[in-house]
Amino acid sequence: MNALFAWFFKLVFAAAALIFAASLLLALLAVLVVTSLWSLLHGRKPQVAVLWTRYRDLTRGMTQGGPWAARRPANQGRASSDDIVDVQAKEVHESAQRLPHRD
């Protein structure tokens, strides 16, 4: 008899957990639809679409050698003498037209 009650309570709690999980999924879907419609009414792209696009671009970059693969130079990161630019130093003199010091 105790085994029957234990089995019954396990079944009741499993059904309650299933109903709870389904209600959370429905609430998430409702929020997703409402926020998408709200953003479309205001002339913006839905945030879900923006996040999905960013995720797709990130994963596409990972499969093609990583996110930095497109930014690597053709010489595999070694700097040649053509890439180095010398800059002339210029001395900066203090200007007489400054604002007075604050006390």
PDB file of N, CA and C in Angstrom:
ATOM      1  N   MET A   1       0.821  -1.199   0.000  1.00  0.00           N
ATOM      2  CA  MET A   1       0.000   0.000   0.000  1.00  0.00           C
ATOM      3  C   MET A   1       0.862   1.258   0.000  1.00  0.00           C
ATOM      4  N   ASN A   2       1.976   1.243   0.787  1.00  0.00           N
ATOM      5  CA  ASN A   2       2.869   2.396   0.810  1.00  0.00           C
ATOM      6  C   ASN A   2       3.527   2.587  -0.545  1.00  0.00           C
ATOM      7  N   ALA A   3       3.831   1.520  -1.233  1.00  0.00           N
ATOM      8  CA  ALA A   3       4.440   1.616  -2.566  1.00  0.00           C
ATOM      9  C   ALA A   3       3.471   2.261  -3.548  1.00  0.00           C
ATOM     10  N   LEU A   4       2.193   1.961  -3.385  1.00  0.00           N
ATOM     11  CA  LEU A   4       1.184   2.550  -4.259  1.00  0.00           C
ATOM     12  C   LEU A   4       1.083   4.058  -4.029  1.00  0.00           C
ATOM     13  N   PHE A   5       1.085   4.467  -2.747  1.00  0.00           N
ATOM     14  CA  PHE A   5       1.055   5.904  -2.442  1.00  0.00           C
ATOM     15  C   PHE A   5       2.327   6.602  -2.930  1.00  0.00           C
ATOM     16  N   ALA A   6       3.476   5.980  -2.770  1.00  0.00           N
ATOM     17  CA  ALA A   6       4.737   6.566  -3.243  1.00  0.00           C
ATOM     18  C   ALA A   6       4.710   6.733  -4.754  1.00  0.00           C
ATOM     19  N   TRP A   7       4.219   5.721  -5.453  1.00  0.00           N
ATOM     20  CA  TRP A   7       4.141   5.799  -6.911  1.00  0.00           C
ATOM     21  C   TRP A   7       3.155   6.896  -7.333  1.00  0.00           C
ATOM     22  N   PHE A   8       2.027   6.993  -6.610  1.00  0.00           N
ATOM     23  CA  PHE A   8       1.026   8.009  -6.909  1.00  0.00           C
ATOM     24  C   PHE A   8       1.591   9.416  -6.707  1.00  0.00           C
ATOM     25  N   PHE A   9       2.310   9.640  -5.609  1.00  0.00           N
ATOM     26  CA  PHE A   9       2.880  10.963  -5.354  1.00  0.00           C
ATOM     27  C   PHE A   9       3.994  11.298  -6.351  1.00  0.00           C
ATOM     28  N   LYS A  10       4.762  10.324  -6.737  1.00  0.00           N
ATOM     29  CA  LYS A  10       5.773  10.562  -7.772  1.00  0.00           C
ATOM     30  C   LYS A  10       5.117  10.978  -9.078  1.00  0.00           C
ATOM     31  N   LEU A  11       4.026  10.323  -9.405  1.00  0.00           N
ATOM     32  CA  LEU A  11       3.308  10.668 -10.634  1.00  0.00           C
ATOM     33  C   LEU A  11       2.704  12.064 -10.545  1.00  0.00           C
ATOM     34  N   VAL A  12       2.142  12.411  -9.392  1.00  0.00           N
ATOM     35  CA  VAL A  12       1.546  13.752  -9.198  1.00  0.00           C
ATOM     36  C   VAL A  12       2.621  14.822  -9.274  1.00  0.00           C
ATOM     37  N   PHE A  13       3.766  14.598  -8.618  1.00  0.00           N
ATOM     38  CA  PHE A  13       4.833  15.594  -8.649  1.00  0.00           C
ATOM     39  C   PHE A  13       5.468  15.701 -10.034  1.00  0.00           C
ATOM     40  N   ALA A  14       5.575  14.614 -10.750  1.00  0.00           N
ATOM     41  CA  ALA A  14       6.098  14.663 -12.115  1.00  0.00           C
ATOM     42  C   ALA A  14       5.153  15.445 -13.021  1.00  0.00           C
ATOM     43  N   ALA A  15       3.845  15.239 -12.849  1.00  0.00           N
ATOM     44  CA  ALA A  15       2.865  15.988 -13.636  1.00  0.00           C
ATOM     45  C   ALA A  15       2.919  17.477 -13.287  1.00  0.00           C
ATOM     46  N   ALA A  16       3.081  17.786 -11.991  1.00  0.00           N
ATOM     47  CA  ALA A  16       3.177  19.186 -11.576  1.00  0.00           C
ATOM     48  C   ALA A  16       4.433  19.841 -12.154  1.00  0.00           C
ATOM     49  N   ALA A  17       5.547  19.114 -12.157  1.00  0.00           N
ATOM     50  CA  ALA A  17       6.777  19.657 -12.737  1.00  0.00           C
ATOM     51  C   ALA A  17       6.631  19.869 -14.234  1.00  0.00           C
ATOM     52  N   LEU A  18       5.960  18.948 -14.913  1.00  0.00           N
ATOM     53  CA  LEU A  18       5.735  19.091 -16.351  1.00  0.00           C
ATOM     54  C   LEU A  18       4.841  20.292 -16.658  1.00  0.00           C
ATOM     55  N   ILE A  19       3.804  20.472 -15.868  1.00  0.00           N
ATOM     56  CA  ILE A  19       2.908  21.629 -16.049  1.00  0.00           C
ATOM     57  C   ILE A  19       3.657  22.928 -15.772  1.00  0.00           C
ATOM     58  N   PHE A  20       4.486  22.936 -14.739  1.00  0.00           N
ATOM     59  CA  PHE A  20       5.274  24.131 -14.418  1.00  0.00           C
ATOM     60  C   PHE A  20       6.234  24.473 -15.547  1.00  0.00           C
ATOM     61  N   ALA A  21       6.945  23.483 -16.074  1.00  0.00           N
ATOM     62  CA  ALA A  21       7.888  23.725 -17.172  1.00  0.00           C
ATOM     63  C   ALA A  21       7.152  24.210 -18.415  1.00  0.00           C
ATOM     64  N   ALA A  22       5.997  23.631 -18.708  1.00  0.00           N
ATOM     65  CA  ALA A  22       5.225  24.061 -19.874  1.00  0.00           C
ATOM     66  C   ALA A  22       4.724  25.490 -19.705  1.00  0.00           C
ATOM     67  N   SER A  23       4.309  25.847 -18.482  1.00  0.00           N
ATOM     68  CA  SER A  23       3.834  27.216 -18.257  1.00  0.00           C
ATOM     69  C   SER A  23       4.985  28.222 -18.400  1.00  0.00           C
ATOM     70  N   LEU A  24       6.193  27.847 -17.962  1.00  0.00           N
ATOM     71  CA  LEU A  24       7.341  28.739 -18.152  1.00  0.00           C
ATOM     72  C   LEU A  24       7.652  28.928 -19.631  1.00  0.00           C
ATOM     73  N   LEU A  25       7.590  27.851 -20.399  1.00  0.00           N
ATOM     74  CA  LEU A  25       7.836  27.970 -21.839  1.00  0.00           C
ATOM     75  C   LEU A  25       6.776  28.827 -22.525  1.00  0.00           C
ATOM     76  N   LEU A  26       5.527  28.672 -22.127  1.00  0.00           N
ATOM     77  CA  LEU A  26       4.463  29.499 -22.705  1.00  0.00           C
ATOM     78  C   LEU A  26       4.630  30.967 -22.322  1.00  0.00           C
ATOM     79  N   ALA A  27       5.020  31.225 -21.083  1.00  0.00           N
ATOM     80  CA  ALA A  27       5.252  32.613 -20.658  1.00  0.00           C
ATOM     81  C   ALA A  27       6.418  33.215 -21.450  1.00  0.00           C
ATOM     82  N   LEU A  28       7.476  32.443 -21.654  1.00  0.00           N
ATOM     83  CA  LEU A  28       8.606  32.927 -22.439  1.00  0.00           C
ATOM     84  C   LEU A  28       8.189  33.219 -23.876  1.00  0.00           C
ATOM     85  N   LEU A  29       7.409  32.350 -24.453  1.00  0.00           N
ATOM     86  CA  LEU A  29       6.927  32.568 -25.814  1.00  0.00           C
ATOM     87  C   LEU A  29       6.046  33.810 -25.896  1.00  0.00           C
ATOM     88  N   ALA A  30       5.185  34.018 -24.896  1.00  0.00           N
ATOM     89  CA  ALA A  30       4.322  35.201 -24.890  1.00  0.00           C
ATOM     90  C   ALA A  30       5.150  36.479 -24.789  1.00  0.00           C
ATOM     91  N   VAL A  31       6.159  36.496 -23.929  1.00  0.00           N
ATOM     92  CA  VAL A  31       7.021  37.671 -23.795  1.00  0.00           C
ATOM     93  C   VAL A  31       7.784  37.912 -25.088  1.00  0.00           C
ATOM     94  N   LEU A  32       8.247  36.854 -25.721  1.00  0.00           N
ATOM     95  CA  LEU A  32       8.967  36.975 -26.984  1.00  0.00           C
ATOM     96  C   LEU A  32       8.091  37.594 -28.067  1.00  0.00           C
ATOM     97  N   VAL A  33       6.859  37.136 -28.171  1.00  0.00           N
ATOM     98  CA  VAL A  33       5.940  37.670 -29.182  1.00  0.00           C
ATOM     99  C   VAL A  33       5.595  39.120 -28.892  1.00  0.00           C
ATOM    100  N   VAL A  34       5.301  39.438 -27.633  1.00  0.00           N
ATOM    101  CA  VAL A  34       4.914  40.811 -27.277  1.00  0.00           C
ATOM    102  C   VAL A  34       6.066  41.781 -27.514  1.00  0.00           C
ATOM    103  N   THR A  35       7.275  41.423 -27.108  1.00  0.00           N
ATOM    104  CA  THR A  35       8.403  42.338 -27.304  1.00  0.00           C
ATOM    105  C   THR A  35       8.765  42.473 -28.784  1.00  0.00           C
ATOM    106  N   SER A  36       8.599  41.412 -29.550  1.00  0.00           N
ATOM    107  CA  SER A  36       8.861  41.515 -30.989  1.00  0.00           C
ATOM    108  C   SER A  36       7.847  42.428 -31.662  1.00  0.00           C
ATOM    109  N   LEU A  37       6.589  42.266 -31.317  1.00  0.00           N
ATOM    110  CA  LEU A  37       5.564  43.155 -31.886  1.00  0.00           C
ATOM    111  C   LEU A  37       5.776  44.595 -31.454  1.00  0.00           C
ATOM    112  N   TRP A  38       6.160  44.793 -30.205  1.00  0.00           N
ATOM    113  CA  TRP A  38       6.410  46.148 -29.695  1.00  0.00           C
ATOM    114  C   TRP A  38       7.541  46.819 -30.467  1.00  0.00           C
ATOM    115  N   SER A  39       8.624  46.084 -30.689  1.00  0.00           N
ATOM    116  CA  SER A  39       9.749  46.679 -31.400  1.00  0.00           C
ATOM    117  C   SER A  39       9.406  46.919 -32.865  1.00  0.00           C
ATOM    118  N   LEU A  40       8.624  46.040 -33.475  1.00  0.00           N
ATOM    119  CA  LEU A  40       8.204  46.267 -34.859  1.00  0.00           C
ATOM    120  C   LEU A  40       7.273  47.467 -34.976  1.00  0.00           C
ATOM    121  N   LEU A  41       6.404  47.655 -33.995  1.00  0.00           N
ATOM    122  CA  LEU A  41       5.520  48.821 -34.012  1.00  0.00           C
ATOM    123  C   LEU A  41       6.300  50.118 -33.864  1.00  0.00           C
ATOM    124  N   HIS A  42       7.431  50.069 -33.191  1.00  0.00           N
ATOM    125  CA  HIS A  42       8.251  51.262 -32.997  1.00  0.00           C
ATOM    126  C   HIS A  42       9.318  51.404 -34.071  1.00  0.00           C
ATOM    127  N   GLY A  43       9.288  50.565 -35.076  1.00  0.00           N
ATOM    128  CA  GLY A  43      10.193  50.705 -36.200  1.00  0.00           C
ATOM    129  C   GLY A  43      11.594  50.174 -35.971  1.00  0.00           C
ATOM    130  N   ARG A  44      11.774  49.316 -35.003  1.00  0.00           N
ATOM    131  CA  ARG A  44      13.087  48.742 -34.732  1.00  0.00           C
ATOM    132  C   ARG A  44      13.082  47.266 -35.082  1.00  0.00           C
ATOM    133  N   LYS A  45      14.271  46.747 -35.315  1.00  0.00           N
ATOM    134  CA  LYS A  45      14.402  45.324 -35.561  1.00  0.00           C
ATOM    135  C   LYS A  45      14.226  44.593 -34.235  1.00  0.00           C
ATOM    136  N   PRO A  46      13.495  43.480 -34.225  1.00  0.00           N
ATOM    137  CA  PRO A  46      13.318  42.756 -32.949  1.00  0.00           C
ATOM    138  C   PRO A  46      14.649  42.304 -32.371  1.00  0.00           C
ATOM    139  N   GLN A  47      14.771  42.401 -31.064  1.00  0.00           N
ATOM    140  CA  GLN A  47      16.025  42.067 -30.393  1.00  0.00           C
ATOM    141  C   GLN A  47      16.398  40.611 -30.602  1.00  0.00           C
ATOM    142  N   VAL A  48      15.416  39.756 -30.751  1.00  0.00           N
ATOM    143  CA  VAL A  48      15.691  38.341 -30.989  1.00  0.00           C
ATOM    144  C   VAL A  48      16.428  38.169 -32.310  1.00  0.00           C
ATOM    145  N   ALA A  49      16.004  38.894 -33.322  1.00  0.00           N
ATOM    146  CA  ALA A  49      16.654  38.803 -34.625  1.00  0.00           C
ATOM    147  C   ALA A  49      18.081  39.340 -34.566  1.00  0.00           C
ATOM    148  N   VAL A  50      18.280  40.407 -33.795  1.00  0.00           N
ATOM    149  CA  VAL A  50      19.618  40.985 -33.660  1.00  0.00           C
ATOM    150  C   VAL A  50      20.551  39.996 -32.956  1.00  0.00           C
ATOM    151  N   LEU A  51      20.086  39.401 -31.871  1.00  0.00           N
ATOM    152  CA  LEU A  51      20.911  38.437 -31.143  1.00  0.00           C
ATOM    153  C   LEU A  51      21.193  37.201 -31.979  1.00  0.00           C
ATOM    154  N   TRP A  52      20.202  36.735 -32.730  1.00  0.00           N
ATOM    155  CA  TRP A  52      20.399  35.559 -33.567  1.00  0.00           C
ATOM    156  C   TRP A  52      21.423  35.851 -34.666  1.00  0.00           C
ATOM    157  N   THR A  53      21.377  37.041 -35.240  1.00  0.00           N
ATOM    158  CA  THR A  53      22.335  37.415 -36.278  1.00  0.00           C
ATOM    159  C   THR A  53      23.745  37.474 -35.709  1.00  0.00           C
ATOM    160  N   ARG A  54      23.900  38.074 -34.527  1.00  0.00           N
ATOM    161  CA  ARG A  54      25.220  38.132 -33.901  1.00  0.00           C
ATOM    162  C   ARG A  54      25.749  36.742 -33.575  1.00  0.00           C
ATOM    163  N   TYR A  55      24.888  35.867 -33.073  1.00  0.00           N
ATOM    164  CA  TYR A  55      25.301  34.508 -32.746  1.00  0.00           C
ATOM    165  C   TYR A  55      25.716  33.757 -34.013  1.00  0.00           C
ATOM    166  N   ARG A  56      24.952  33.907 -35.076  1.00  0.00           N
ATOM    167  CA  ARG A  56      25.268  33.229 -36.333  1.00  0.00           C
ATOM    168  C   ARG A  56      26.588  33.732 -36.900  1.00  0.00           C
ATOM    169  N   ASP A  57      26.827  35.042 -36.836  1.00  0.00           N
ATOM    170  CA  ASP A  57      28.097  35.580 -37.318  1.00  0.00           C
ATOM    171  C   ASP A  57      29.268  35.100 -36.477  1.00  0.00           C
ATOM    172  N   LEU A  58      29.059  35.010 -35.165  1.00  0.00           N
ATOM    173  CA  LEU A  58      30.116  34.535 -34.281  1.00  0.00           C
ATOM    174  C   LEU A  58      30.453  33.081 -34.569  1.00  0.00           C
ATOM    175  N   THR A  59      29.435  32.248 -34.720  1.00  0.00           N
ATOM    176  CA  THR A  59      29.705  30.837 -34.981  1.00  0.00           C
ATOM    177  C   THR A  59      30.278  30.633 -36.370  1.00  0.00           C
ATOM    178  N   ARG A  60      29.901  31.444 -37.320  1.00  0.00           N
ATOM    179  CA  ARG A  60      30.475  31.343 -38.666  1.00  0.00           C
ATOM    180  C   ARG A  60      31.960  31.695 -38.619  1.00  0.00           C
ATOM    181  N   GLY A  61      32.325  32.691 -37.810  1.00  0.00           N
ATOM    182  CA  GLY A  61      33.727  33.059 -37.663  1.00  0.00           C
ATOM    183  C   GLY A  61      34.530  31.983 -36.975  1.00  0.00           C
ATOM    184  N   MET A  62      33.902  31.267 -36.036  1.00  0.00           N
ATOM    185  CA  MET A  62      34.604  30.206 -35.325  1.00  0.00           C
ATOM    186  C   MET A  62      34.900  29.022 -36.239  1.00  0.00           C
ATOM    187  N   THR A  63      34.005  28.751 -37.178  1.00  0.00           N
ATOM    188  CA  THR A  63      34.216  27.595 -38.045  1.00  0.00           C
ATOM    189  C   THR A  63      35.217  27.888 -39.149  1.00  0.00           C
ATOM    190  N   GLN A  64      35.499  29.130 -39.415  1.00  0.00           N
ATOM    191  CA  GLN A  64      36.426  29.485 -40.487  1.00  0.00           C
ATOM    192  C   GLN A  64      37.765  29.954 -39.936  1.00  0.00           C
ATOM    193  N   GLY A  65      38.201  29.399 -38.844  1.00  0.00           N
ATOM    194  CA  GLY A  65      39.523  29.727 -38.331  1.00  0.00           C
ATOM    195  C   GLY A  65      39.531  30.687 -37.173  1.00  0.00           C
ATOM    196  N   GLY A  66      38.397  31.001 -36.613  1.00  0.00           N
ATOM    197  CA  GLY A  66      38.346  31.871 -35.450  1.00  0.00           C
ATOM    198  C   GLY A  66      37.943  33.283 -35.813  1.00  0.00           C
ATOM    199  N   PRO A  67      37.583  34.074 -34.815  1.00  0.00           N
ATOM    200  CA  PRO A  67      37.092  35.426 -35.084  1.00  0.00           C
ATOM    201  C   PRO A  67      38.176  36.365 -35.587  1.00  0.00           C
ATOM    202  N   TRP A  68      39.457  36.012 -35.427  1.00  0.00           N
ATOM    203  CA  TRP A  68      40.534  36.895 -35.848  1.00  0.00           C
ATOM    204  C   TRP A  68      41.155  36.454 -37.160  1.00  0.00           C
ATOM    205  N   ALA A  69      40.613  35.429 -37.774  1.00  0.00           N
ATOM    206  CA  ALA A  69      41.223  34.883 -38.984  1.00  0.00           C
ATOM    207  C   ALA A  69      41.191  35.892 -40.124  1.00  0.00           C
ATOM    208  N   ALA A  70      40.126  36.655 -40.245  1.00  0.00           N
ATOM    209  CA  ALA A  70      40.017  37.609 -41.342  1.00  0.00           C
ATOM    210  C   ALA A  70      40.911  38.826 -41.128  1.00  0.00           C
ATOM    211  N   ARG A  71      41.319  39.079 -39.906  1.00  0.00           N
ATOM    212  CA  ARG A  71      42.114  40.262 -39.606  1.00  0.00           C
ATOM    213  C   ARG A  71      43.612  40.001 -39.689  1.00  0.00           C
ATOM    214  N   ARG A  72      44.012  38.754 -39.861  1.00  0.00           N
ATOM    215  CA  ARG A  72      45.439  38.455 -39.924  1.00  0.00           C
ATOM    216  C   ARG A  72      46.014  38.917 -41.251  1.00  0.00           C
ATOM    217  N   PRO A  73      47.200  39.491 -41.226  1.00  0.00           N
ATOM    218  CA  PRO A  73      47.829  39.882 -42.493  1.00  0.00           C
ATOM    219  C   PRO A  73      48.270  38.649 -43.275  1.00  0.00           C
ATOM    220  N   ALA A  74      48.554  38.856 -44.554  1.00  0.00           N
ATOM    221  CA  ALA A  74      48.910  37.744 -45.420  1.00  0.00           C
ATOM    222  C   ALA A  74      50.242  37.120 -45.027  1.00  0.00           C
ATOM    223  N   ASN A  75      51.129  37.880 -44.375  1.00  0.00           N
ATOM    224  CA  ASN A  75      52.441  37.348 -44.004  1.00  0.00           C
ATOM    225  C   ASN A  75      52.412  36.690 -42.627  1.00  0.00           C
ATOM    226  N   GLN A  76      51.240  36.239 -42.166  1.00  0.00           N
ATOM    227  CA  GLN A  76      51.059  35.469 -40.932  1.00  0.00           C
ATOM    228  C   GLN A  76      51.527  36.202 -39.679  1.00  0.00           C
ATOM    229  N   GLY A  77      51.332  37.490 -39.602  1.00  0.00           N
ATOM    230  CA  GLY A  77      51.605  38.222 -38.374  1.00  0.00           C
ATOM    231  C   GLY A  77      53.002  38.795 -38.270  1.00  0.00           C
ATOM    232  N   ARG A  78      53.906  38.447 -39.162  1.00  0.00           N
ATOM    233  CA  ARG A  78      55.260  39.001 -39.119  1.00  0.00           C
ATOM    234  C   ARG A  78      55.254  40.367 -39.792  1.00  0.00           C
ATOM    235  N   ALA A  79      55.786  41.353 -39.115  1.00  0.00           N
ATOM    236  CA  ALA A  79      55.804  42.707 -39.663  1.00  0.00           C
ATOM    237  C   ALA A  79      56.980  42.848 -40.621  1.00  0.00           C
ATOM    238  N   SER A  80      56.706  43.404 -41.765  1.00  0.00           N
ATOM    239  CA  SER A  80      57.787  43.678 -42.711  1.00  0.00           C
ATOM    240  C   SER A  80      58.250  45.116 -42.523  1.00  0.00           C
ATOM    241  N   SER A  81      59.323  45.472 -43.185  1.00  0.00           N
ATOM    242  CA  SER A  81      59.835  46.835 -43.050  1.00  0.00           C
ATOM    243  C   SER A  81      58.898  47.846 -43.699  1.00  0.00           C
ATOM    244  N   ASP A  82      58.037  47.417 -44.600  1.00  0.00           N
ATOM    245  CA  ASP A  82      57.078  48.331 -45.229  1.00  0.00           C
ATOM    246  C   ASP A  82      55.949  48.715 -44.276  1.00  0.00           C
ATOM    247  N   ASP A  83      55.694  47.889 -43.265  1.00  0.00           N
ATOM    248  CA  ASP A  83      54.606  48.159 -42.337  1.00  0.00           C
ATOM    249  C   ASP A  83      54.988  49.170 -41.258  1.00  0.00           C
ATOM    250  N   ILE A  84      56.268  49.418 -41.070  1.00  0.00           N
ATOM    251  CA  ILE A  84      56.724  50.295 -39.998  1.00  0.00           C
ATOM    252  C   ILE A  84      56.883  51.709 -40.533  1.00  0.00           C
ATOM    253  N   VAL A  85      56.272  52.670 -39.829  1.00  0.00           N
ATOM    254  CA  VAL A  85      56.319  54.065 -40.250  1.00  0.00           C
ATOM    255  C   VAL A  85      56.941  54.869 -39.118  1.00  0.00           C
ATOM    256  N   ASP A  86      58.010  55.599 -39.401  1.00  0.00           N
ATOM    257  CA  ASP A  86      58.623  56.464 -38.405  1.00  0.00           C
ATOM    258  C   ASP A  86      57.874  57.789 -38.362  1.00  0.00           C
ATOM    259  N   VAL A  87      57.771  58.331 -37.184  1.00  0.00           N
ATOM    260  CA  VAL A  87      57.060  59.583 -36.994  1.00  0.00           C
ATOM    261  C   VAL A  87      58.049  60.611 -36.472  1.00  0.00           C
ATOM    262  N   GLN A  88      57.968  61.818 -37.016  1.00  0.00           N
ATOM    263  CA  GLN A  88      58.837  62.893 -36.562  1.00  0.00           C
ATOM    264  C   GLN A  88      58.306  63.434 -35.234  1.00  0.00           C
ATOM    265  N   ALA A  89      59.196  63.553 -34.268  1.00  0.00           N
ATOM    266  CA  ALA A  89      58.810  64.097 -32.969  1.00  0.00           C
ATOM    267  C   ALA A  89      58.676  65.604 -33.073  1.00  0.00           C
ATOM    268  N   LYS A  90      57.726  66.144 -32.346  1.00  0.00           N
ATOM    269  CA  LYS A  90      57.490  67.582 -32.372  1.00  0.00           C
ATOM    270  C   LYS A  90      57.416  68.063 -30.931  1.00  0.00           C
ATOM    271  N   GLU A  91      58.192  69.072 -30.607  1.00  0.00           N
ATOM    272  CA  GLU A  91      58.201  69.583 -29.248  1.00  0.00           C
ATOM    273  C   GLU A  91      57.015  70.522 -29.055  1.00  0.00           C
ATOM    274  N   VAL A  92      56.351  70.381 -27.926  1.00  0.00           N
ATOM    275  CA  VAL A  92      55.184  71.190 -27.623  1.00  0.00           C
ATOM    276  C   VAL A  92      55.588  72.217 -26.581  1.00  0.00           C
ATOM    277  N   HIS A  93      55.397  73.504 -26.916  1.00  0.00           N
ATOM    278  CA  HIS A  93      55.744  74.595 -26.001  1.00  0.00           C
ATOM    279  C   HIS A  93      54.503  75.023 -25.245  1.00  0.00           C
ATOM    280  N   GLU A  94      54.720  75.501 -24.019  1.00  0.00           N
ATOM    281  CA  GLU A  94      53.589  75.982 -23.238  1.00  0.00           C
ATOM    282  C   GLU A  94      53.063  77.267 -23.839  1.00  0.00           C
ATOM    283  N   SER A  95      51.782  77.359 -23.901  1.00  0.00           N
ATOM    284  CA  SER A  95      51.144  78.538 -24.469  1.00  0.00           C
ATOM    285  C   SER A  95      50.918  79.564 -23.362  1.00  0.00           C
ATOM    286  N   ALA A  96      51.082  80.853 -23.723  1.00  0.00           N
ATOM    287  CA  ALA A  96      50.870  81.925 -22.754  1.00  0.00           C
ATOM    288  C   ALA A  96      49.376  82.189 -22.557  1.00  0.00           C
ATOM    289  N   GLN A  97      48.563  81.743 -23.472  1.00  0.00           N
ATOM    290  CA  GLN A  97      47.128  82.004 -23.403  1.00  0.00           C
ATOM    291  C   GLN A  97      46.418  80.824 -22.743  1.00  0.00           C
ATOM    292  N   ARG A  98      46.646  80.661 -21.477  1.00  0.00           N
ATOM    293  CA  ARG A  98      45.997  79.580 -20.742  1.00  0.00           C
ATOM    294  C   ARG A  98      44.984  80.157 -19.805  1.00  0.00           C
ATOM    295  N   LEU A  99      44.097  79.336 -19.375  1.00  0.00           N
ATOM    296  CA  LEU A  99      43.124  79.764 -18.377  1.00  0.00           C
ATOM    297  C   LEU A  99      43.828  79.922 -17.032  1.00  0.00           C
ATOM    298  N   PRO A 100      43.376  80.852 -16.216  1.00  0.00           N
ATOM    299  CA  PRO A 100      44.014  81.021 -14.902  1.00  0.00           C
ATOM    300  C   PRO A 100      43.810  79.768 -14.050  1.00  0.00           C
ATOM    301  N   HIS A 101      44.781  79.537 -13.157  1.00  0.00           N
ATOM    302  CA  HIS A 101      44.693  78.391 -12.265  1.00  0.00           C
ATOM    303  C   HIS A 101      43.571  78.601 -11.263  1.00  0.00           C
ATOM    304  N   ARG A 102      42.919  77.518 -10.925  1.00  0.00           N
ATOM    305  CA  ARG A 102      41.852  77.597  -9.923  1.00  0.00           C
ATOM    306  C   ARG A 102      42.458  77.447  -8.539  1.00  0.00           C
ATOM    307  N   ASP A 103      41.955  78.221  -7.622  1.00  0.00           N
ATOM    308  CA  ASP A 103      42.452  78.153  -6.239  1.00  0.00           C
ATOM    309  C   ASP A 103      41.683  77.189  -5.404  1.00  0.00           C
TER     310      ASP A 103
END
